[in-house]
PDB file of all heavy atoms in Angstrom:
ATOM      1  N   GLY A   1       0.797  -1.211   0.000  1.00  0.00           N
ATOM      2  CA  GLY A   1       0.000   0.000   0.000  1.00  0.00           C
ATOM      3  C   GLY A   1       0.832   1.265   0.000  1.00  0.00           C
ATOM      4  O   GLY A   1       2.070   1.214  -0.034  1.00  0.00           O
ATOM      5  N   SER A   2       0.154   2.394   0.047  1.00  0.00           N
ATOM      6  CA  SER A   2       0.817   3.697  -0.016  1.00  0.00           C
ATOM      7  C   SER A   2       0.299   4.627   1.069  1.00  0.00           C
ATOM      8  O   SER A   2      -0.853   4.514   1.515  1.00  0.00           O
ATOM      9  CB  SER A   2       0.563   4.358  -1.381  1.00  0.00           C
ATOM     10  OG  SER A   2       1.106   3.598  -2.428  1.00  0.00           O
ATOM     11  N   LEU A   3       1.157   5.518   1.474  1.00  0.00           N
ATOM     12  CA  LEU A   3       0.798   6.602   2.378  1.00  0.00           C
ATOM     13  C   LEU A   3       1.584   7.838   1.963  1.00  0.00           C
ATOM     14  O   LEU A   3       2.675   7.726   1.387  1.00  0.00           O
ATOM     15  CB  LEU A   3       1.143   6.269   3.832  1.00  0.00           C
ATOM     16  CG  LEU A   3       0.251   5.294   4.594  1.00  0.00           C
ATOM     17  CD1 LEU A   3       0.889   4.961   5.942  1.00  0.00           C
ATOM     18  CD2 LEU A   3      -1.129   5.858   4.790  1.00  0.00           C
ATOM     19  N   ARG A   4       1.040   9.002   2.283  1.00  0.00           N
ATOM     20  CA  ARG A   4       1.793  10.234   2.083  1.00  0.00           C
ATOM     21  C   ARG A   4       1.859  10.988   3.399  1.00  0.00           C
ATOM     22  O   ARG A   4       0.827  11.360   3.964  1.00  0.00           O
ATOM     23  CB  ARG A   4       1.162  11.129   1.020  1.00  0.00           C
ATOM     24  CG  ARG A   4       2.054  12.328   0.681  1.00  0.00           C
ATOM     25  CD  ARG A   4       1.508  13.201  -0.417  1.00  0.00           C
ATOM     26  NE  ARG A   4       0.469  14.104   0.046  1.00  0.00           N
ATOM     27  CZ  ARG A   4       0.163  15.260  -0.560  1.00  0.00           C
ATOM     28  NH1 ARG A   4       0.818  15.628  -1.644  1.00  0.00           N
ATOM     29  NH2 ARG A   4      -0.808  16.004  -0.091  1.00  0.00           N
ATOM     30  N   LEU A   5       3.055  11.187   3.869  1.00  0.00           N
ATOM     31  CA  LEU A   5       3.270  11.956   5.082  1.00  0.00           C
ATOM     32  C   LEU A   5       3.465  13.430   4.723  1.00  0.00           C
ATOM     33  O   LEU A   5       4.030  13.752   3.678  1.00  0.00           O
ATOM     34  CB  LEU A   5       4.496  11.452   5.838  1.00  0.00           C
ATOM     35  CG  LEU A   5       4.510   9.972   6.195  1.00  0.00           C
ATOM     36  CD1 LEU A   5       5.768   9.654   7.009  1.00  0.00           C
ATOM     37  CD2 LEU A   5       3.267   9.558   6.936  1.00  0.00           C
ATOM     38  N   SER A   6       3.001  14.283   5.614  1.00  0.00           N
ATOM     39  CA  SER A   6       3.182  15.723   5.449  1.00  0.00           C
ATOM     40  C   SER A   6       3.825  16.299   6.702  1.00  0.00           C
ATOM     41  O   SER A   6       3.602  15.793   7.807  1.00  0.00           O
ATOM     42  CB  SER A   6       1.836  16.424   5.221  1.00  0.00           C
ATOM     43  OG  SER A   6       1.193  15.938   4.070  1.00  0.00           O
ATOM     44  N   CYS A   7       4.584  17.334   6.518  1.00  0.00           N
ATOM     45  CA  CYS A   7       5.184  18.035   7.647  1.00  0.00           C
ATOM     46  C   CYS A   7       5.118  19.529   7.342  1.00  0.00           C
ATOM     47  O   CYS A   7       5.761  19.994   6.398  1.00  0.00           O
ATOM     48  CB  CYS A   7       6.616  17.586   7.868  1.00  0.00           C
ATOM     49  SG  CYS A   7       7.472  18.484   9.177  1.00  0.00           S
ATOM     50  N   THR A   8       4.362  20.228   8.131  1.00  0.00           N
ATOM     51  CA  THR A   8       4.192  21.665   7.934  1.00  0.00           C
ATOM     52  C   THR A   8       5.009  22.428   8.966  1.00  0.00           C
ATOM     53  O   THR A   8       5.005  22.091  10.149  1.00  0.00           O
ATOM     54  CB  THR A   8       2.715  22.053   8.045  1.00  0.00           C
ATOM     55  OG1 THR A   8       1.980  21.340   7.045  1.00  0.00           O
ATOM     56  CG2 THR A   8       2.521  23.544   7.817  1.00  0.00           C
ATOM     57  N   ALA A   9       5.712  23.439   8.494  1.00  0.00           N
ATOM     58  CA  ALA A   9       6.616  24.180   9.362  1.00  0.00           C
ATOM     59  C   ALA A   9       6.067  25.557   9.714  1.00  0.00           C
ATOM     60  O   ALA A   9       5.419  26.215   8.900  1.00  0.00           O
ATOM     61  CB  ALA A   9       7.967  24.337   8.666  1.00  0.00           C
ATOM     62  N   SER A  10       6.357  25.945  10.915  1.00  0.00           N
ATOM     63  CA  SER A  10       6.110  27.313  11.353  1.00  0.00           C
ATOM     64  C   SER A  10       7.477  27.955  11.566  1.00  0.00           C
ATOM     65  O   SER A  10       8.249  27.517  12.420  1.00  0.00           O
ATOM     66  CB  SER A  10       5.303  27.320  12.660  1.00  0.00           C
ATOM     67  OG  SER A  10       5.163  28.644  13.149  1.00  0.00           O
ATOM     68  N   VAL A  11       7.789  28.951  10.737  1.00  0.00           N
ATOM     69  CA  VAL A  11       9.112  29.560  10.791  1.00  0.00           C
ATOM     70  C   VAL A  11       8.972  31.045  11.091  1.00  0.00           C
ATOM     71  O   VAL A  11       7.955  31.665  10.768  1.00  0.00           O
ATOM     72  CB  VAL A  11       9.868  29.349   9.474  1.00  0.00           C
ATOM     73  CG1 VAL A  11      10.150  27.867   9.253  1.00  0.00           C
ATOM     74  CG2 VAL A  11       9.100  29.931   8.296  1.00  0.00           C
ATOM     75  N   ARG A  12      10.022  31.625  11.670  1.00  0.00           N
ATOM     76  CA  ARG A  12       9.981  33.055  12.018  1.00  0.00           C
ATOM     77  C   ARG A  12      11.131  33.826  11.407  1.00  0.00           C
ATOM     78  O   ARG A  12      10.943  34.804  10.687  1.00  0.00           O
ATOM     79  CB  ARG A  12       9.987  33.212  13.536  1.00  0.00           C
ATOM     80  CG  ARG A  12       8.729  32.715  14.217  1.00  0.00           C
ATOM     81  CD  ARG A  12       8.738  33.037  15.690  1.00  0.00           C
ATOM     82  NE  ARG A  12       7.499  32.607  16.342  1.00  0.00           N
ATOM     83  CZ  ARG A  12       7.243  32.798  17.615  1.00  0.00           C
ATOM     84  NH1 ARG A  12       8.121  33.406  18.394  1.00  0.00           N
ATOM     85  NH2 ARG A  12       6.100  32.383  18.136  1.00  0.00           N
ATOM     86  N   LYS A  13      12.354  33.394  11.694  1.00  0.00           N
ATOM     87  CA  LYS A  13      13.509  34.204  11.326  1.00  0.00           C
ATOM     88  C   LYS A  13      13.814  34.134   9.843  1.00  0.00           C
ATOM     89  O   LYS A  13      14.093  35.145   9.200  1.00  0.00           O
ATOM     90  CB  LYS A  13      14.734  33.768  12.132  1.00  0.00           C
ATOM     91  CG  LYS A  13      15.941  34.656  11.953  1.00  0.00           C
ATOM     92  CD  LYS A  13      17.039  34.269  12.912  1.00  0.00           C
ATOM     93  CE  LYS A  13      18.243  35.205  12.787  1.00  0.00           C
ATOM     94  NZ  LYS A  13      19.325  34.823  13.731  1.00  0.00           N
ATOM     95  N   TYR A  14      13.771  32.943   9.280  1.00  0.00           N
ATOM     96  CA  TYR A  14      14.102  32.744   7.875  1.00  0.00           C
ATOM     97  C   TYR A  14      12.920  32.123   7.151  1.00  0.00           C
ATOM     98  O   TYR A  14      12.056  31.504   7.751  1.00  0.00           O
ATOM     99  CB  TYR A  14      15.324  31.834   7.736  1.00  0.00           C
ATOM    100  CG  TYR A  14      16.552  32.342   8.443  1.00  0.00           C
ATOM    101  CD1 TYR A  14      17.001  31.748   9.617  1.00  0.00           C
ATOM    102  CD2 TYR A  14      17.269  33.420   7.934  1.00  0.00           C
ATOM    103  CE1 TYR A  14      18.124  32.213  10.271  1.00  0.00           C
ATOM    104  CE2 TYR A  14      18.396  33.893   8.587  1.00  0.00           C
ATOM    105  CZ  TYR A  14      18.809  33.288   9.749  1.00  0.00           C
ATOM    106  OH  TYR A  14      19.925  33.761  10.392  1.00  0.00           O
ATOM    107  N   SER A  15      12.892  32.268   5.838  1.00  0.00           N
ATOM    108  CA  SER A  15      11.811  31.670   5.073  1.00  0.00           C
ATOM    109  C   SER A  15      11.961  30.153   5.052  1.00  0.00           C
ATOM    110  O   SER A  15      13.071  29.620   5.173  1.00  0.00           O
ATOM    111  CB  SER A  15      11.801  32.217   3.648  1.00  0.00           C
ATOM    112  OG  SER A  15      12.991  31.840   2.993  1.00  0.00           O
ATOM    113  N   PHE A  16      10.844  29.469   4.871  1.00  0.00           N
ATOM    114  CA  PHE A  16      10.858  28.005   4.836  1.00  0.00           C
ATOM    115  C   PHE A  16      11.806  27.502   3.761  1.00  0.00           C
ATOM    116  O   PHE A  16      12.482  26.488   3.948  1.00  0.00           O
ATOM    117  CB  PHE A  16       9.434  27.503   4.570  1.00  0.00           C
ATOM    118  CG  PHE A  16       9.338  26.022   4.386  1.00  0.00           C
ATOM    119  CD1 PHE A  16       9.408  25.170   5.466  1.00  0.00           C
ATOM    120  CD2 PHE A  16       9.175  25.489   3.113  1.00  0.00           C
ATOM    121  CE1 PHE A  16       9.326  23.789   5.296  1.00  0.00           C
ATOM    122  CE2 PHE A  16       9.093  24.119   2.926  1.00  0.00           C
ATOM    123  CZ  PHE A  16       9.163  23.271   4.020  1.00  0.00           C
ATOM    124  N   SER A  17      11.897  28.201   2.649  1.00  0.00           N
ATOM    125  CA  SER A  17      12.731  27.765   1.536  1.00  0.00           C
ATOM    126  C   SER A  17      14.214  27.761   1.889  1.00  0.00           C
ATOM    127  O   SER A  17      15.016  27.202   1.149  1.00  0.00           O
ATOM    128  CB  SER A  17      12.496  28.645   0.308  1.00  0.00           C
ATOM    129  OG  SER A  17      12.815  29.998   0.596  1.00  0.00           O
ATOM    130  N   SER A  18      14.594  28.375   2.989  1.00  0.00           N
ATOM    131  CA  SER A  18      15.988  28.418   3.417  1.00  0.00           C
ATOM    132  C   SER A  18      16.401  27.211   4.249  1.00  0.00           C
ATOM    133  O   SER A  18      17.555  27.135   4.680  1.00  0.00           O
ATOM    134  CB  SER A  18      16.247  29.685   4.244  1.00  0.00           C
ATOM    135  OG  SER A  18      16.000  30.845   3.498  1.00  0.00           O
ATOM    136  N   TYR A  19      15.476  26.300   4.473  1.00  0.00           N
ATOM    137  CA  TYR A  19      15.748  25.151   5.336  1.00  0.00           C
ATOM    138  C   TYR A  19      15.857  23.862   4.543  1.00  0.00           C
ATOM    139  O   TYR A  19      15.023  23.581   3.674  1.00  0.00           O
ATOM    140  CB  TYR A  19      14.648  24.990   6.392  1.00  0.00           C
ATOM    141  CG  TYR A  19      14.695  26.058   7.463  1.00  0.00           C
ATOM    142  CD1 TYR A  19      14.046  27.274   7.272  1.00  0.00           C
ATOM    143  CD2 TYR A  19      15.397  25.860   8.635  1.00  0.00           C
ATOM    144  CE1 TYR A  19      14.104  28.270   8.235  1.00  0.00           C
ATOM    145  CE2 TYR A  19      15.457  26.844   9.619  1.00  0.00           C
ATOM    146  CZ  TYR A  19      14.807  28.045   9.408  1.00  0.00           C
ATOM    147  OH  TYR A  19      14.870  29.020  10.364  1.00  0.00           O
ATOM    148  N   ASP A  20      16.902  23.085   4.852  1.00  0.00           N
ATOM    149  CA  ASP A  20      16.909  21.689   4.445  1.00  0.00           C
ATOM    150  C   ASP A  20      15.818  20.989   5.254  1.00  0.00           C
ATOM    151  O   ASP A  20      15.632  21.280   6.438  1.00  0.00           O
ATOM    152  CB  ASP A  20      18.244  21.021   4.767  1.00  0.00           C
ATOM    153  CG  ASP A  20      19.398  21.557   3.935  1.00  0.00           C
ATOM    154  OD1 ASP A  20      19.155  22.097   2.846  1.00  0.00           O
ATOM    155  OD2 ASP A  20      20.551  21.410   4.394  1.00  0.00           O
ATOM    156  N   MET A  21      15.139  20.057   4.593  1.00  0.00           N
ATOM    157  CA  MET A  21      14.083  19.303   5.275  1.00  0.00           C
ATOM    158  C   MET A  21      14.370  17.813   5.134  1.00  0.00           C
ATOM    159  O   MET A  21      14.855  17.370   4.077  1.00  0.00           O
ATOM    160  CB  MET A  21      12.713  19.616   4.687  1.00  0.00           C
ATOM    161  CG  MET A  21      12.308  21.088   4.787  1.00  0.00           C
ATOM    162  SD  MET A  21      12.192  21.664   6.488  1.00  0.00           S
ATOM    163  CE  MET A  21      10.852  20.627   7.120  1.00  0.00           C
ATOM    164  N   GLY A  22      14.070  17.060   6.170  1.00  0.00           N
ATOM    165  CA  GLY A  22      14.364  15.640   6.123  1.00  0.00           C
ATOM    166  C   GLY A  22      13.313  14.799   6.831  1.00  0.00           C
ATOM    167  O   GLY A  22      12.482  15.312   7.587  1.00  0.00           O
ATOM    168  N   TRP A  23      13.378  13.512   6.550  1.00  0.00           N
ATOM    169  CA  TRP A  23      12.545  12.521   7.229  1.00  0.00           C
ATOM    170  C   TRP A  23      13.456  11.445   7.811  1.00  0.00           C
ATOM    171  O   TRP A  23      14.372  10.973   7.138  1.00  0.00           O
ATOM    172  CB  TRP A  23      11.544  11.874   6.269  1.00  0.00           C
ATOM    173  CG  TRP A  23      10.409  12.754   5.863  1.00  0.00           C
ATOM    174  CD1 TRP A  23      10.312  13.488   4.708  1.00  0.00           C
ATOM    175  CD2 TRP A  23       9.204  12.996   6.589  1.00  0.00           C
ATOM    176  NE1 TRP A  23       9.125  14.171   4.686  1.00  0.00           N
ATOM    177  CE2 TRP A  23       8.418  13.880   5.825  1.00  0.00           C
ATOM    178  CE3 TRP A  23       8.700  12.556   7.811  1.00  0.00           C
ATOM    179  CZ2 TRP A  23       7.159  14.335   6.240  1.00  0.00           C
ATOM    180  CZ3 TRP A  23       7.459  13.002   8.234  1.00  0.00           C
ATOM    181  CH2 TRP A  23       6.697  13.880   7.452  1.00  0.00           C
ATOM    182  N   PHE A  24      13.186  11.073   9.037  1.00  0.00           N
ATOM    183  CA  PHE A  24      13.847   9.972   9.709  1.00  0.00           C
ATOM    184  C   PHE A  24      12.768   9.042  10.231  1.00  0.00           C
ATOM    185  O   PHE A  24      11.593   9.414  10.315  1.00  0.00           O
ATOM    186  CB  PHE A  24      14.693  10.486  10.890  1.00  0.00           C
ATOM    187  CG  PHE A  24      15.964  11.171  10.477  1.00  0.00           C
ATOM    188  CD1 PHE A  24      15.940  12.438   9.907  1.00  0.00           C
ATOM    189  CD2 PHE A  24      17.188  10.563  10.666  1.00  0.00           C
ATOM    190  CE1 PHE A  24      17.116  13.076   9.517  1.00  0.00           C
ATOM    191  CE2 PHE A  24      18.370  11.192  10.289  1.00  0.00           C
ATOM    192  CZ  PHE A  24      18.323  12.448   9.718  1.00  0.00           C
ATOM    193  N   ARG A  25      13.164   7.842  10.602  1.00  0.00           N
ATOM    194  CA  ARG A  25      12.204   6.926  11.209  1.00  0.00           C
ATOM    195  C   ARG A  25      12.878   6.120  12.312  1.00  0.00           C
ATOM    196  O   ARG A  25      14.083   5.927  12.303  1.00  0.00           O
ATOM    197  CB  ARG A  25      11.610   5.984  10.164  1.00  0.00           C
ATOM    198  CG  ARG A  25      12.594   4.999   9.555  1.00  0.00           C
ATOM    199  CD  ARG A  25      11.921   4.233   8.417  1.00  0.00           C
ATOM    200  NE  ARG A  25      12.835   3.257   7.807  1.00  0.00           N
ATOM    201  CZ  ARG A  25      12.528   2.545   6.726  1.00  0.00           C
ATOM    202  NH1 ARG A  25      11.360   2.696   6.138  1.00  0.00           N
ATOM    203  NH2 ARG A  25      13.399   1.668   6.252  1.00  0.00           N
ATOM    204  N   GLN A  26      12.051   5.687  13.233  1.00  0.00           N
ATOM    205  CA  GLN A  26      12.563   4.907  14.353  1.00  0.00           C
ATOM    206  C   GLN A  26      11.607   3.752  14.632  1.00  0.00           C
ATOM    207  O   GLN A  26      10.460   3.977  15.039  1.00  0.00           O
ATOM    208  CB  GLN A  26      12.719   5.770  15.599  1.00  0.00           C
ATOM    209  CG  GLN A  26      13.394   5.068  16.750  1.00  0.00           C
ATOM    210  CD  GLN A  26      13.822   6.017  17.841  1.00  0.00           C
ATOM    211  OE1 GLN A  26      13.389   7.164  17.918  1.00  0.00           O
ATOM    212  NE2 GLN A  26      14.725   5.573  18.696  1.00  0.00           N
ATOM    213  N   ALA A  27      12.084   2.557  14.383  1.00  0.00           N
ATOM    214  CA  ALA A  27      11.315   1.359  14.685  1.00  0.00           C
ATOM    215  C   ALA A  27      11.504   1.006  16.162  1.00  0.00           C
ATOM    216  O   ALA A  27      12.484   1.401  16.787  1.00  0.00           O
ATOM    217  CB  ALA A  27      11.759   0.215  13.799  1.00  0.00           C
ATOM    218  N   SER A  28      10.570   0.260  16.682  1.00  0.00           N
ATOM    219  CA  SER A  28      10.607  -0.114  18.094  1.00  0.00           C
ATOM    220  C   SER A  28      11.902  -0.853  18.419  1.00  0.00           C
ATOM    221  O   SER A  28      12.252  -1.826  17.744  1.00  0.00           O
ATOM    222  CB  SER A  28       9.396  -0.990  18.429  1.00  0.00           C
ATOM    223  OG  SER A  28       9.411  -1.369  19.784  1.00  0.00           O
ATOM    224  N   GLY A  29      12.615  -0.373  19.409  1.00  0.00           N
ATOM    225  CA  GLY A  29      13.848  -1.012  19.831  1.00  0.00           C
ATOM    226  C   GLY A  29      15.053  -0.719  18.975  1.00  0.00           C
ATOM    227  O   GLY A  29      16.127  -1.285  19.207  1.00  0.00           O
ATOM    228  N   LYS A  30      14.900   0.168  18.002  1.00  0.00           N
ATOM    229  CA  LYS A  30      16.011   0.487  17.105  1.00  0.00           C
ATOM    230  C   LYS A  30      16.333   1.970  17.166  1.00  0.00           C
ATOM    231  O   LYS A  30      15.564   2.771  17.667  1.00  0.00           O
ATOM    232  CB  LYS A  30      15.674   0.063  15.678  1.00  0.00           C
ATOM    233  CG  LYS A  30      15.498  -1.442  15.502  1.00  0.00           C
ATOM    234  CD  LYS A  30      15.338  -1.805  14.043  1.00  0.00           C
ATOM    235  CE  LYS A  30      15.242  -3.309  13.859  1.00  0.00           C
ATOM    236  NZ  LYS A  30      15.107  -3.677  12.414  1.00  0.00           N
ATOM    237  N   GLU A  31      17.491   2.314  16.631  1.00  0.00           N
ATOM    238  CA  GLU A  31      17.888   3.703  16.587  1.00  0.00           C
ATOM    239  C   GLU A  31      17.179   4.430  15.435  1.00  0.00           C
ATOM    240  O   GLU A  31      16.756   3.811  14.458  1.00  0.00           O
ATOM    241  CB  GLU A  31      19.404   3.818  16.407  1.00  0.00           C
ATOM    242  CG  GLU A  31      20.187   3.310  17.603  1.00  0.00           C
ATOM    243  CD  GLU A  31      21.676   3.600  17.491  1.00  0.00           C
ATOM    244  OE1 GLU A  31      22.102   4.119  16.445  1.00  0.00           O
ATOM    245  OE2 GLU A  31      22.398   3.330  18.462  1.00  0.00           O
ATOM    246  N   ARG A  32      17.090   5.729  15.583  1.00  0.00           N
ATOM    247  CA  ARG A  32      16.495   6.542  14.525  1.00  0.00           C
ATOM    248  C   ARG A  32      17.396   6.519  13.297  1.00  0.00           C
ATOM    249  O   ARG A  32      18.618   6.668  13.413  1.00  0.00           O
ATOM    250  CB  ARG A  32      16.290   7.976  15.023  1.00  0.00           C
ATOM    251  CG  ARG A  32      15.401   8.822  14.164  1.00  0.00           C
ATOM    252  CD  ARG A  32      15.084  10.147  14.844  1.00  0.00           C
ATOM    253  NE  ARG A  32      14.358   9.947  16.107  1.00  0.00           N
ATOM    254  CZ  ARG A  32      13.840  10.943  16.813  1.00  0.00           C
ATOM    255  NH1 ARG A  32      13.947  12.187  16.385  1.00  0.00           N
ATOM    256  NH2 ARG A  32      13.216  10.690  17.941  1.00  0.00           N
ATOM    257  N   GLU A  33      16.793   6.345  12.130  1.00  0.00           N
ATOM    258  CA  GLU A  33      17.583   6.259  10.904  1.00  0.00           C
ATOM    259  C   GLU A  33      17.090   7.225   9.850  1.00  0.00           C
ATOM    260  O   GLU A  33      15.908   7.588   9.796  1.00  0.00           O
ATOM    261  CB  GLU A  33      17.545   4.830  10.344  1.00  0.00           C
ATOM    262  CG  GLU A  33      16.190   4.369   9.865  1.00  0.00           C
ATOM    263  CD  GLU A  33      16.235   2.999   9.179  1.00  0.00           C
ATOM    264  OE1 GLU A  33      17.318   2.390   9.084  1.00  0.00           O
ATOM    265  OE2 GLU A  33      15.157   2.559   8.733  1.00  0.00           O
ATOM    266  N   PHE A  34      18.006   7.622   9.020  1.00  0.00           N
ATOM    267  CA  PHE A  34      17.722   8.540   7.915  1.00  0.00           C
ATOM    268  C   PHE A  34      16.849   7.862   6.870  1.00  0.00           C
ATOM    269  O   PHE A  34      17.063   6.700   6.528  1.00  0.00           O
ATOM    270  CB  PHE A  34      19.039   8.987   7.287  1.00  0.00           C
ATOM    271  CG  PHE A  34      18.882   9.766   6.018  1.00  0.00           C
ATOM    272  CD1 PHE A  34      18.552  11.109   6.049  1.00  0.00           C
ATOM    273  CD2 PHE A  34      19.069   9.149   4.789  1.00  0.00           C
ATOM    274  CE1 PHE A  34      18.415  11.835   4.874  1.00  0.00           C
ATOM    275  CE2 PHE A  34      18.939   9.861   3.615  1.00  0.00           C
ATOM    276  CZ  PHE A  34      18.611  11.207   3.654  1.00  0.00           C
ATOM    277  N   VAL A  35      15.879   8.610   6.361  1.00  0.00           N
ATOM    278  CA  VAL A  35      15.020   8.118   5.290  1.00  0.00           C
ATOM    279  C   VAL A  35      15.228   8.932   4.013  1.00  0.00           C
ATOM    280  O   VAL A  35      15.496   8.382   2.946  1.00  0.00           O
ATOM    281  CB  VAL A  35      13.531   8.164   5.693  1.00  0.00           C
ATOM    282  CG1 VAL A  35      12.650   7.750   4.517  1.00  0.00           C
ATOM    283  CG2 VAL A  35      13.276   7.283   6.906  1.00  0.00           C
ATOM    284  N   ALA A  36      15.079  10.247   4.110  1.00  0.00           N
ATOM    285  CA  ALA A  36      15.199  11.098   2.922  1.00  0.00           C
ATOM    286  C   ALA A  36      15.399  12.541   3.345  1.00  0.00           C
ATOM    287  O   ALA A  36      15.027  12.927   4.457  1.00  0.00           O
ATOM    288  CB  ALA A  36      13.959  10.975   2.044  1.00  0.00           C
ATOM    289  N   ALA A  37      15.973  13.322   2.450  1.00  0.00           N
ATOM    290  CA  ALA A  37      16.157  14.746   2.708  1.00  0.00           C
ATOM    291  C   ALA A  37      16.089  15.508   1.399  1.00  0.00           C
ATOM    292  O   ALA A  37      16.388  14.964   0.329  1.00  0.00           O
ATOM    293  CB  ALA A  37      17.488  14.997   3.406  1.00  0.00           C
ATOM    294  N   ILE A  38      15.714  16.779   1.513  1.00  0.00           N
ATOM    295  CA  ILE A  38      15.641  17.641   0.345  1.00  0.00           C
ATOM    296  C   ILE A  38      16.255  18.969   0.727  1.00  0.00           C
ATOM    297  O   ILE A  38      15.966  19.528   1.783  1.00  0.00           O
ATOM    298  CB  ILE A  38      14.180  17.772  -0.142  1.00  0.00           C
ATOM    299  CG1 ILE A  38      14.104  18.552  -1.455  1.00  0.00           C
ATOM    300  CG2 ILE A  38      13.286  18.400   0.924  1.00  0.00           C
ATOM    301  CD1 ILE A  38      12.758  18.401  -2.160  1.00  0.00           C
ATOM    302  N   ASN A  39      17.121  19.495  -0.137  1.00  0.00           N
ATOM    303  CA  ASN A  39      17.858  20.675   0.283  1.00  0.00           C
ATOM    304  C   ASN A  39      17.114  21.952   0.016  1.00  0.00           C
ATOM    305  O   ASN A  39      16.078  21.995  -0.655  1.00  0.00           O
ATOM    306  CB  ASN A  39      19.268  20.686  -0.308  1.00  0.00           C
ATOM    307  CG  ASN A  39      19.301  21.058  -1.773  1.00  0.00           C
ATOM    308  OD1 ASN A  39      18.288  21.382  -2.387  1.00  0.00           O
ATOM    309  ND2 ASN A  39      20.495  21.014  -2.341  1.00  0.00           N
ATOM    310  N   TRP A  40      17.666  23.027   0.540  1.00  0.00           N
ATOM    311  CA  TRP A  40      16.993  24.309   0.548  1.00  0.00           C
ATOM    312  C   TRP A  40      17.056  25.024  -0.787  1.00  0.00           C
ATOM    313  O   TRP A  40      16.218  25.847  -1.089  1.00  0.00           O
ATOM    314  CB  TRP A  40      17.621  25.215   1.615  1.00  0.00           C
ATOM    315  CG  TRP A  40      19.004  25.667   1.227  1.00  0.00           C
ATOM    316  CD1 TRP A  40      20.182  24.973   1.343  1.00  0.00           C
ATOM    317  CD2 TRP A  40      19.352  26.910   0.620  1.00  0.00           C
ATOM    318  NE1 TRP A  40      21.221  25.693   0.854  1.00  0.00           N
ATOM    319  CE2 TRP A  40      20.764  26.892   0.405  1.00  0.00           C
ATOM    320  CE3 TRP A  40      18.625  28.036   0.235  1.00  0.00           C
ATOM    321  CZ2 TRP A  40      21.443  27.971  -0.174  1.00  0.00           C
ATOM    322  CZ3 TRP A  40      19.301  29.113  -0.332  1.00  0.00           C
ATOM    323  CH2 TRP A  40      20.693  29.060  -0.532  1.00  0.00           C
ATOM    324  N   GLY A  41      18.061  24.752  -1.577  1.00  0.00           N
ATOM    325  CA  GLY A  41      18.290  25.532  -2.777  1.00  0.00           C
ATOM    326  C   GLY A  41      17.478  25.038  -3.947  1.00  0.00           C
ATOM    327  O   GLY A  41      16.314  25.388  -4.137  1.00  0.00           O
ATOM    328  N   ARG A  42      18.094  24.166  -4.702  1.00  0.00           N
ATOM    329  CA  ARG A  42      17.441  23.665  -5.903  1.00  0.00           C
ATOM    330  C   ARG A  42      16.525  22.484  -5.612  1.00  0.00           C
ATOM    331  O   ARG A  42      15.953  21.907  -6.528  1.00  0.00           O
ATOM    332  CB  ARG A  42      18.494  23.268  -6.937  1.00  0.00           C
ATOM    333  CG  ARG A  42      19.325  24.448  -7.404  1.00  0.00           C
ATOM    334  CD  ARG A  42      20.310  24.048  -8.494  1.00  0.00           C
ATOM    335  NE  ARG A  42      21.078  25.190  -8.985  1.00  0.00           N
ATOM    336  CZ  ARG A  42      21.974  25.124  -9.944  1.00  0.00           C
ATOM    337  NH1 ARG A  42      22.226  23.966 -10.533  1.00  0.00           N
ATOM    338  NH2 ARG A  42      22.617  26.208 -10.324  1.00  0.00           N
ATOM    339  N   GLY A  43      16.416  22.133  -4.347  1.00  0.00           N
ATOM    340  CA  GLY A  43      15.504  21.055  -4.001  1.00  0.00           C
ATOM    341  C   GLY A  43      16.027  19.686  -4.349  1.00  0.00           C
ATOM    342  O   GLY A  43      15.242  18.755  -4.544  1.00  0.00           O
ATOM    343  N   GLY A  44      17.351  19.551  -4.412  1.00  0.00           N
ATOM    344  CA  GLY A  44      17.920  18.245  -4.666  1.00  0.00           C
ATOM    345  C   GLY A  44      17.591  17.291  -3.536  1.00  0.00           C
ATOM    346  O   GLY A  44      17.594  17.674  -2.367  1.00  0.00           O
ATOM    347  N   ALA A  45      17.270  16.052  -3.872  1.00  0.00           N
ATOM    348  CA  ALA A  45      16.828  15.091  -2.869  1.00  0.00           C
ATOM    349  C   ALA A  45      17.783  13.914  -2.784  1.00  0.00           C
ATOM    350  O   ALA A  45      18.452  13.558  -3.752  1.00  0.00           O
ATOM    351  CB  ALA A  45      15.424  14.603  -3.186  1.00  0.00           C
ATOM    352  N   VAL A  46      17.819  13.314  -1.620  1.00  0.00           N
ATOM    353  CA  VAL A  46      18.576  12.095  -1.401  1.00  0.00           C
ATOM    354  C   VAL A  46      17.704  11.153  -0.589  1.00  0.00           C
ATOM    355  O   VAL A  46      16.962  11.596   0.300  1.00  0.00           O
ATOM    356  CB  VAL A  46      19.914  12.392  -0.689  1.00  0.00           C
ATOM    357  CG1 VAL A  46      19.691  13.052   0.650  1.00  0.00           C
ATOM    358  CG2 VAL A  46      20.750  11.129  -0.557  1.00  0.00           C
TER     359      VAL A  46
END
């Protein structure tokens, strides 16, 4: 199946576009791990 997660930011000092944004996940009993990130500039993703 599929799901779409959303994350909405409330920012004050800088515009939202100036922030790198990322997703991590943590399974029960495990450490938090990197899932994906998108950078602030051209929106390059990893």
